[in-house]
Structures are given as structure tokens and as C-alpha cells.
PDB file of N, CA and C in Angstrom:
ATOM      1  N   MET A   1       8.930 -33.675 -16.526  1.00  0.00           N
ATOM      2  CA  MET A   1       9.689 -32.457 -16.462  1.00  0.00           C
ATOM      3  C   MET A   1       9.685 -31.944 -15.019  1.00  0.00           C
ATOM      4  N   ALA A   2      10.833 -31.516 -14.533  1.00  0.00           N
ATOM      5  CA  ALA A   2      10.962 -31.056 -13.148  1.00  0.00           C
ATOM      6  C   ALA A   2      10.332 -29.678 -12.984  1.00  0.00           C
ATOM      7  N   GLU A   3       9.736 -29.484 -11.830  1.00  0.00           N
ATOM      8  CA  GLU A   3       9.105 -28.196 -11.544  1.00  0.00           C
ATOM      9  C   GLU A   3      10.173 -27.177 -11.152  1.00  0.00           C
ATOM     10  N   VAL A   4      10.081 -26.002 -11.710  1.00  0.00           N
ATOM     11  CA  VAL A   4      11.041 -24.938 -11.423  1.00  0.00           C
ATOM     12  C   VAL A   4      10.666 -24.290 -10.093  1.00  0.00           C
ATOM     13  N   PRO A   5      11.622 -24.203  -9.142  1.00  0.00           N
ATOM     14  CA  PRO A   5      11.292 -23.584  -7.852  1.00  0.00           C
ATOM     15  C   PRO A   5      11.070 -22.091  -8.011  1.00  0.00           C
ATOM     16  N   LYS A   6      10.170 -21.554  -7.216  1.00  0.00           N
ATOM     17  CA  LYS A   6       9.877 -20.120  -7.257  1.00  0.00           C
ATOM     18  C   LYS A   6      10.938 -19.367  -6.458  1.00  0.00           C
ATOM     19  N   ILE A   7      11.491 -18.346  -7.062  1.00  0.00           N
ATOM     20  CA  ILE A   7      12.489 -17.533  -6.369  1.00  0.00           C
ATOM     21  C   ILE A   7      11.802 -16.526  -5.457  1.00  0.00           C
ATOM     22  N   VAL A   8      10.762 -15.889  -5.951  1.00  0.00           N
ATOM     23  CA  VAL A   8      10.029 -14.890  -5.177  1.00  0.00           C
ATOM     24  C   VAL A   8       8.741 -15.528  -4.676  1.00  0.00           C
ATOM     25  N   LEU A   9       8.527 -15.417  -3.381  1.00  0.00           N
ATOM     26  CA  LEU A   9       7.320 -15.983  -2.797  1.00  0.00           C
ATOM     27  C   LEU A   9       6.096 -15.194  -3.240  1.00  0.00           C
ATOM     28  N   PRO A  10       4.942 -15.839  -3.303  1.00  0.00           N
ATOM     29  CA  PRO A  10       3.734 -15.126  -3.709  1.00  0.00           C
ATOM     30  C   PRO A  10       3.374 -14.051  -2.683  1.00  0.00           C
ATOM     31  N   HIS A  11       2.841 -12.973  -3.164  1.00  0.00           N
ATOM     32  CA  HIS A  11       2.404 -11.874  -2.314  1.00  0.00           C
ATOM     33  C   HIS A  11       1.205 -11.219  -2.974  1.00  0.00           C
ATOM     34  N   GLY A  12       0.707 -10.186  -2.380  1.00  0.00           N
ATOM     35  CA  GLY A  12      -0.389  -9.455  -3.001  1.00  0.00           C
ATOM     36  C   GLY A  12      -1.723  -9.666  -2.317  1.00  0.00           C
ATOM     37  N   GLY A  13      -1.756 -10.375  -1.200  1.00  0.00           N
ATOM     38  CA  GLY A  13      -3.007 -10.569  -0.487  1.00  0.00           C
ATOM     39  C   GLY A  13      -3.343  -9.426   0.453  1.00  0.00           C
ATOM     40  N   TYR A  14      -2.715  -8.288   0.220  1.00  0.00           N
ATOM     41  CA  TYR A  14      -2.905  -7.156   1.125  1.00  0.00           C
ATOM     42  C   TYR A  14      -4.324  -6.618   1.092  1.00  0.00           C
ATOM     43  N   ARG A  15      -5.042  -6.822  -0.004  1.00  0.00           N
ATOM     44  CA  ARG A  15      -6.416  -6.297  -0.086  1.00  0.00           C
ATOM     45  C   ARG A  15      -7.357  -6.999   0.890  1.00  0.00           C
ATOM     46  N   ASN A  16      -6.949  -8.149   1.383  1.00  0.00           N
ATOM     47  CA  ASN A  16      -7.766  -8.872   2.348  1.00  0.00           C
ATOM     48  C   ASN A  16      -7.446  -8.488   3.788  1.00  0.00           C
ATOM     49  N   LEU A  17      -6.392  -7.711   3.998  1.00  0.00           N
ATOM     50  CA  LEU A  17      -6.026  -7.311   5.353  1.00  0.00           C
ATOM     51  C   LEU A  17      -7.027  -6.304   5.908  1.00  0.00           C
ATOM     52  N   ILE A  18      -7.309  -6.435   7.190  1.00  0.00           N
ATOM     53  CA  ILE A  18      -8.247  -5.515   7.847  1.00  0.00           C
ATOM     54  C   ILE A  18      -7.723  -4.085   7.782  1.00  0.00           C
ATOM     55  N   VAL A  19      -6.427  -3.915   7.992  1.00  0.00           N
ATOM     56  CA  VAL A  19      -5.849  -2.571   7.981  1.00  0.00           C
ATOM     57  C   VAL A  19      -5.982  -1.936   6.603  1.00  0.00           C
ATOM     58  N   TYR A  20      -5.877  -2.717   5.541  1.00  0.00           N
ATOM     59  CA  TYR A  20      -6.040  -2.161   4.196  1.00  0.00           C
ATOM     60  C   TYR A  20      -7.495  -1.761   3.967  1.00  0.00           C
ATOM     61  N   ARG A  21      -8.416  -2.593   4.411  1.00  0.00           N
ATOM     62  CA  ARG A  21      -9.842  -2.256   4.254  1.00  0.00           C
ATOM     63  C   ARG A  21     -10.195  -0.990   5.019  1.00  0.00           C
ATOM     64  N   LYS A  22      -9.646  -0.875   6.226  1.00  0.00           N
ATOM     65  CA  LYS A  22      -9.916   0.328   7.020  1.00  0.00           C
ATOM     66  C   LYS A  22      -9.303   1.561   6.376  1.00  0.00           C
ATOM     67  N   SER A  23      -8.112   1.410   5.808  1.00  0.00           N
ATOM     68  CA  SER A  23      -7.486   2.559   5.156  1.00  0.00           C
ATOM     69  C   SER A  23      -8.278   2.979   3.917  1.00  0.00           C
ATOM     70  N   ASP A  24      -8.915   2.024   3.256  1.00  0.00           N
ATOM     71  CA  ASP A  24      -9.768   2.344   2.110  1.00  0.00           C
ATOM     72  C   ASP A  24     -10.990   3.139   2.568  1.00  0.00           C
ATOM     73  N   VAL A  25     -11.576   2.745   3.689  1.00  0.00           N
ATOM     74  CA  VAL A  25     -12.726   3.475   4.239  1.00  0.00           C
ATOM     75  C   VAL A  25     -12.311   4.890   4.639  1.00  0.00           C
ATOM     76  N   ILE A  26     -11.123   5.010   5.241  1.00  0.00           N
ATOM     77  CA  ILE A  26     -10.625   6.330   5.636  1.00  0.00           C
ATOM     78  C   ILE A  26     -10.404   7.207   4.407  1.00  0.00           C
ATOM     79  N   TYR A  27      -9.837   6.613   3.353  1.00  0.00           N
ATOM     80  CA  TYR A  27      -9.616   7.378   2.119  1.00  0.00           C
ATOM     81  C   TYR A  27     -10.946   7.866   1.537  1.00  0.00           C
ATOM     82  N   GLN A  28     -11.910   6.958   1.434  1.00  0.00           N
ATOM     83  CA  GLN A  28     -13.209   7.342   0.871  1.00  0.00           C
ATOM     84  C   GLN A  28     -13.898   8.396   1.734  1.00  0.00           C
ATOM     85  N   GLY A  29     -13.795   8.247   3.055  1.00  0.00           N
ATOM     86  CA  GLY A  29     -14.377   9.236   3.958  1.00  0.00           C
ATOM     87  C   GLY A  29     -13.705  10.590   3.835  1.00  0.00           C
ATOM     88  N   THR A  30     -12.393  10.570   3.641  1.00  0.00           N
ATOM     89  CA  THR A  30     -11.652  11.825   3.466  1.00  0.00           C
ATOM     90  C   THR A  30     -12.093  12.543   2.205  1.00  0.00           C
ATOM     91  N   VAL A  31     -12.272  11.804   1.119  1.00  0.00           N
ATOM     92  CA  VAL A  31     -12.714  12.402  -0.141  1.00  0.00           C
ATOM     93  C   VAL A  31     -14.101  13.013   0.024  1.00  0.00           C
ATOM     94  N   VAL A  32     -15.004  12.295   0.651  1.00  0.00           N
ATOM     95  CA  VAL A  32     -16.367  12.808   0.860  1.00  0.00           C
ATOM     96  C   VAL A  32     -16.339  14.057   1.748  1.00  0.00           C
ATOM     97  N   PHE A  33     -15.554  13.994   2.821  1.00  0.00           N
ATOM     98  CA  PHE A  33     -15.446  15.138   3.728  1.00  0.00           C
ATOM     99  C   PHE A  33     -14.929  16.373   2.989  1.00  0.00           C
ATOM    100  N   CYS A  34     -13.862  16.188   2.211  1.00  0.00           N
ATOM    101  CA  CYS A  34     -13.267  17.320   1.488  1.00  0.00           C
ATOM    102  C   CYS A  34     -14.243  17.912   0.481  1.00  0.00           C
ATOM    103  N   ARG A  35     -14.965  17.053  -0.213  1.00  0.00           N
ATOM    104  CA  ARG A  35     -15.941  17.563  -1.196  1.00  0.00           C
ATOM    105  C   ARG A  35     -17.075  18.322  -0.527  1.00  0.00           C
ATOM    106  N   ARG A  36     -17.458  17.860   0.642  1.00  0.00           N
ATOM    107  CA  ARG A  36     -18.607  18.451   1.308  1.00  0.00           C
ATOM    108  C   ARG A  36     -18.267  19.736   2.064  1.00  0.00           C
ATOM    109  N   PHE A  37     -17.127  19.755   2.752  1.00  0.00           N
ATOM    110  CA  PHE A  37     -16.859  20.848   3.686  1.00  0.00           C
ATOM    111  C   PHE A  37     -15.718  21.784   3.297  1.00  0.00           C
ATOM    112  N   LEU A  38     -14.916  21.440   2.312  1.00  0.00           N
ATOM    113  CA  LEU A  38     -13.783  22.283   1.959  1.00  0.00           C
ATOM    114  C   LEU A  38     -13.935  22.797   0.530  1.00  0.00           C
ATOM    115  N   PRO A  39     -13.333  23.942   0.228  1.00  0.00           N
ATOM    116  CA  PRO A  39     -13.436  24.475  -1.140  1.00  0.00           C
ATOM    117  C   PRO A  39     -12.742  23.547  -2.137  1.00  0.00           C
ATOM    118  N   SER A  40     -13.322  23.454  -3.323  1.00  0.00           N
ATOM    119  CA  SER A  40     -12.811  22.506  -4.313  1.00  0.00           C
ATOM    120  C   SER A  40     -11.526  22.975  -4.980  1.00  0.00           C
ATOM    121  N   HIS A  41     -11.227  24.254  -4.937  1.00  0.00           N
ATOM    122  CA  HIS A  41     -10.006  24.750  -5.567  1.00  0.00           C
ATOM    123  C   HIS A  41      -9.445  25.913  -4.755  1.00  0.00           C
ATOM    124  N   GLY A  42      -8.149  26.136  -4.924  1.00  0.00           N
ATOM    125  CA  GLY A  42      -7.516  27.248  -4.230  1.00  0.00           C
ATOM    126  C   GLY A  42      -7.050  26.931  -2.837  1.00  0.00           C
ATOM    127  N   ASP A  43      -7.254  25.695  -2.375  1.00  0.00           N
ATOM    128  CA  ASP A  43      -6.843  25.327  -1.025  1.00  0.00           C
ATOM    129  C   ASP A  43      -6.001  24.059  -1.089  1.00  0.00           C
ATOM    130  N   ARG A  44      -4.790  24.158  -0.649  1.00  0.00           N
ATOM    131  CA  ARG A  44      -3.866  23.009  -0.672  1.00  0.00           C
ATOM    132  C   ARG A  44      -4.260  21.944   0.353  1.00  0.00           C
ATOM    133  N   THR A  45      -5.079  22.291   1.322  1.00  0.00           N
ATOM    134  CA  THR A  45      -5.483  21.351   2.365  1.00  0.00           C
ATOM    135  C   THR A  45      -6.170  20.126   1.785  1.00  0.00           C
ATOM    136  N   VAL A  46      -7.026  20.328   0.799  1.00  0.00           N
ATOM    137  CA  VAL A  46      -7.755  19.207   0.187  1.00  0.00           C
ATOM    138  C   VAL A  46      -6.772  18.230  -0.445  1.00  0.00           C
ATOM    139  N   ASP A  47      -5.807  18.739  -1.192  1.00  0.00           N
ATOM    140  CA  ASP A  47      -4.817  17.867  -1.827  1.00  0.00           C
ATOM    141  C   ASP A  47      -3.994  17.113  -0.788  1.00  0.00           C
ATOM    142  N   GLN A  48      -3.576  17.797   0.259  1.00  0.00           N
ATOM    143  CA  GLN A  48      -2.758  17.166   1.287  1.00  0.00           C
ATOM    144  C   GLN A  48      -3.520  16.061   2.008  1.00  0.00           C
ATOM    145  N   MET A  49      -4.771  16.334   2.347  1.00  0.00           N
ATOM    146  CA  MET A  49      -5.570  15.338   3.063  1.00  0.00           C
ATOM    147  C   MET A  49      -5.815  14.105   2.189  1.00  0.00           C
ATOM    148  N   THR A  50      -6.158  14.334   0.931  1.00  0.00           N
ATOM    149  CA  THR A  50      -6.430  13.234   0.015  1.00  0.00           C
ATOM    150  C   THR A  50      -5.169  12.406  -0.245  1.00  0.00           C
ATOM    151  N   GLN A  51      -4.048  13.076  -0.466  1.00  0.00           N
ATOM    152  CA  GLN A  51      -2.799  12.366  -0.718  1.00  0.00           C
ATOM    153  C   GLN A  51      -2.345  11.580   0.494  1.00  0.00           C
ATOM    154  N   ALA A  52      -2.532  12.119   1.684  1.00  0.00           N
ATOM    155  CA  ALA A  52      -2.144  11.403   2.902  1.00  0.00           C
ATOM    156  C   ALA A  52      -2.972  10.139   3.076  1.00  0.00           C
ATOM    157  N   ALA A  53      -4.263  10.236   2.838  1.00  0.00           N
ATOM    158  CA  ALA A  53      -5.128   9.057   2.960  1.00  0.00           C
ATOM    159  C   ALA A  53      -4.782   8.019   1.894  1.00  0.00           C
ATOM    160  N   ARG A  54      -4.478   8.470   0.688  1.00  0.00           N
ATOM    161  CA  ARG A  54      -4.121   7.562  -0.401  1.00  0.00           C
ATOM    162  C   ARG A  54      -2.773   6.891  -0.139  1.00  0.00           C
ATOM    163  N   SER A  55      -1.832   7.630   0.438  1.00  0.00           N
ATOM    164  CA  SER A  55      -0.496   7.073   0.657  1.00  0.00           C
ATOM    165  C   SER A  55      -0.521   5.944   1.676  1.00  0.00           C
ATOM    166  N   CYS A  56      -1.452   5.961   2.596  1.00  0.00           N
ATOM    167  CA  CYS A  56      -1.589   4.852   3.553  1.00  0.00           C
ATOM    168  C   CYS A  56      -1.870   3.552   2.813  1.00  0.00           C
ATOM    169  N   MET A  57      -2.796   3.596   1.885  1.00  0.00           N
ATOM    170  CA  MET A  57      -3.117   2.402   1.089  1.00  0.00           C
ATOM    171  C   MET A  57      -1.918   1.983   0.242  1.00  0.00           C
ATOM    172  N   GLN A  58      -1.242   2.949  -0.348  1.00  0.00           N
ATOM    173  CA  GLN A  58      -0.093   2.661  -1.205  1.00  0.00           C
ATOM    174  C   GLN A  58       1.055   2.047  -0.399  1.00  0.00           C
ATOM    175  N   ASN A  59       1.276   2.521   0.824  1.00  0.00           N
ATOM    176  CA  ASN A  59       2.331   1.960   1.670  1.00  0.00           C
ATOM    177  C   ASN A  59       2.073   0.501   2.003  1.00  0.00           C
ATOM    178  N   ILE A  60       0.831   0.150   2.224  1.00  0.00           N
ATOM    179  CA  ILE A  60       0.490  -1.243   2.508  1.00  0.00           C
ATOM    180  C   ILE A  60       0.767  -2.106   1.281  1.00  0.00           C
ATOM    181  N   ALA A  61       0.392  -1.628   0.111  1.00  0.00           N
ATOM    182  CA  ALA A  61       0.638  -2.381  -1.121  1.00  0.00           C
ATOM    183  C   ALA A  61       2.133  -2.544  -1.382  1.00  0.00           C
ATOM    184  N   GLU A  62       2.907  -1.480  -1.194  1.00  0.00           N
ATOM    185  CA  GLU A  62       4.352  -1.561  -1.413  1.00  0.00           C
ATOM    186  C   GLU A  62       5.022  -2.457  -0.380  1.00  0.00           C
ATOM    187  N   GLY A  63       4.545  -2.425   0.847  1.00  0.00           N
ATOM    188  CA  GLY A  63       5.089  -3.310   1.877  1.00  0.00           C
ATOM    189  C   GLY A  63       4.827  -4.760   1.556  1.00  0.00           C
ATOM    190  N   SER A  64       3.676  -5.049   0.996  1.00  0.00           N
ATOM    191  CA  SER A  64       3.357  -6.416   0.592  1.00  0.00           C
ATOM    192  C   SER A  64       4.294  -6.887  -0.510  1.00  0.00           C
ATOM    193  N   ALA A  65       4.573  -6.024  -1.473  1.00  0.00           N
ATOM    194  CA  ALA A  65       5.487  -6.375  -2.563  1.00  0.00           C
ATOM    195  C   ALA A  65       6.906  -6.559  -2.036  1.00  0.00           C
ATOM    196  N   ALA A  66       7.312  -5.702  -1.108  1.00  0.00           N
ATOM    197  CA  ALA A  66       8.654  -5.812  -0.533  1.00  0.00           C
ATOM    198  C   ALA A  66       8.790  -7.106   0.262  1.00  0.00           C
ATOM    199  N   GLU A  67       7.743  -7.505   0.953  1.00  0.00           N
ATOM    200  CA  GLU A  67       7.775  -8.754   1.717  1.00  0.00           C
ATOM    201  C   GLU A  67       7.952  -9.943   0.786  1.00  0.00           C
ATOM    202  N   GLY A  68       7.333  -9.894  -0.377  1.00  0.00           N
ATOM    203  CA  GLY A  68       7.488 -10.975  -1.347  1.00  0.00           C
ATOM    204  C   GLY A  68       8.901 -11.062  -1.892  1.00  0.00           C
ATOM    205  N   ASN A  69       9.600  -9.933  -1.928  1.00  0.00           N
ATOM    206  CA  ASN A  69      10.976  -9.905  -2.437  1.00  0.00           C
ATOM    207  C   ASN A  69      12.025 -10.074  -1.352  1.00  0.00           C
ATOM    208  N   ARG A  70      11.617 -10.055  -0.087  1.00  0.00           N
ATOM    209  CA  ARG A  70      12.556 -10.101   1.029  1.00  0.00           C
ATOM    210  C   ARG A  70      13.399 -11.369   1.014  1.00  0.00           C
ATOM    211  N   ASP A  71      12.776 -12.512   0.828  1.00  0.00           N
ATOM    212  CA  ASP A  71      13.522 -13.764   0.845  1.00  0.00           C
ATOM    213  C   ASP A  71      14.488 -13.855  -0.324  1.00  0.00           C
ATOM    214  N   LYS A  72      14.129 -13.284  -1.449  1.00  0.00           N
ATOM    215  CA  LYS A  72      15.033 -13.274  -2.601  1.00  0.00           C
ATOM    216  C   LYS A  72      16.295 -12.491  -2.252  1.00  0.00           C
ATOM    217  N   THR A  73      16.135 -11.355  -1.575  1.00  0.00           N
ATOM    218  CA  THR A  73      17.276 -10.539  -1.172  1.00  0.00           C
ATOM    219  C   THR A  73      18.149 -11.299  -0.186  1.00  0.00           C
ATOM    220  N   HIS A  74      17.542 -12.002   0.742  1.00  0.00           N
ATOM    221  CA  HIS A  74      18.308 -12.749   1.732  1.00  0.00           C
ATOM    222  C   HIS A  74      19.080 -13.889   1.075  1.00  0.00           C
ATOM    223  N   GLN A  75      18.530 -14.501   0.062  1.00  0.00           N
ATOM    224  CA  GLN A  75      19.225 -15.580  -0.621  1.00  0.00           C
ATOM    225  C   GLN A  75      20.417 -15.052  -1.415  1.00  0.00           C
ATOM    226  N   CYS A  76      20.293 -13.877  -1.994  1.00  0.00           N
ATOM    227  CA  CYS A  76      21.356 -13.326  -2.837  1.00  0.00           C
ATOM    228  C   CYS A  76      22.461 -12.680  -2.000  1.00  0.00           C
ATOM    229  N   CYS A  77      22.100 -12.054  -0.916  1.00  0.00           N
ATOM    230  CA  CYS A  77      23.067 -11.276  -0.128  1.00  0.00           C
ATOM    231  C   CYS A  77      23.062 -11.754   1.316  1.00  0.00           C
ATOM    232  N   PRO A  78      23.975 -12.628   1.699  1.00  0.00           N
ATOM    233  CA  PRO A  78      23.972 -13.139   3.067  1.00  0.00           C
ATOM    234  C   PRO A  78      24.243 -12.063   4.103  1.00  0.00           C
ATOM    235  N   CYS A  79      24.751 -10.902   3.678  1.00  0.00           N
ATOM    236  CA  CYS A  79      25.011  -9.821   4.639  1.00  0.00           C
ATOM    237  C   CYS A  79      23.725  -9.175   5.128  1.00  0.00           C
ATOM    238  N   ASN A  80      22.579  -9.434   4.483  1.00  0.00           N
ATOM    239  CA  ASN A  80      21.298  -8.828   4.861  1.00  0.00           C
ATOM    240  C   ASN A  80      20.516  -9.678   5.838  1.00  0.00           C
ATOM    241  N   THR A  81      21.153 -10.516   6.591  1.00  0.00           N
ATOM    242  CA  THR A  81      20.423 -11.392   7.509  1.00  0.00           C
ATOM    243  C   THR A  81      20.013 -10.709   8.760  1.00  0.00           C
TER     244      THR A  81
END
């Protein structure tokens, strides 16, 4: 039986990237800092800081997924070259 070619290239190795590991450390440090030095409620600063640190990690994960789909888009739409 013939092997079916993969349309989407494998992705998801972002957890091994140094930048992802560093962003995880920054996120954890931000959470510890906020718990230790900022009020736990009534201050939007804690939410903003935590969400900003979390979004860095999320952007790396989404970029990895988009990279895996990039070649599929190029194959379907020659105008995206």
C-alpha cells in the first residue's frame, strides 16, 4: 500500500525552544512577584501583568502552529508566495 504524503508538516516542538523556556520562567516569576508584592484583588495591574506574560508563551505556540500550516497555504494559493 502506498504511503499517503503529509499535507501539513509536523510542528509543535516549540516547548524545546530557548525563547519558550525563558518565557515560561518570566511567566512564573511574574506570578510569584504579583502574589508577593501586589494586592490580590481590586487592582487590574496583577491581571494585566499575568496576561502579558502568558500571552508571550501563547504567541510562540500559535506561531509554531502557523508555521506548520504555512506550506499548506502556499500549495493551495500560489498568490501567497
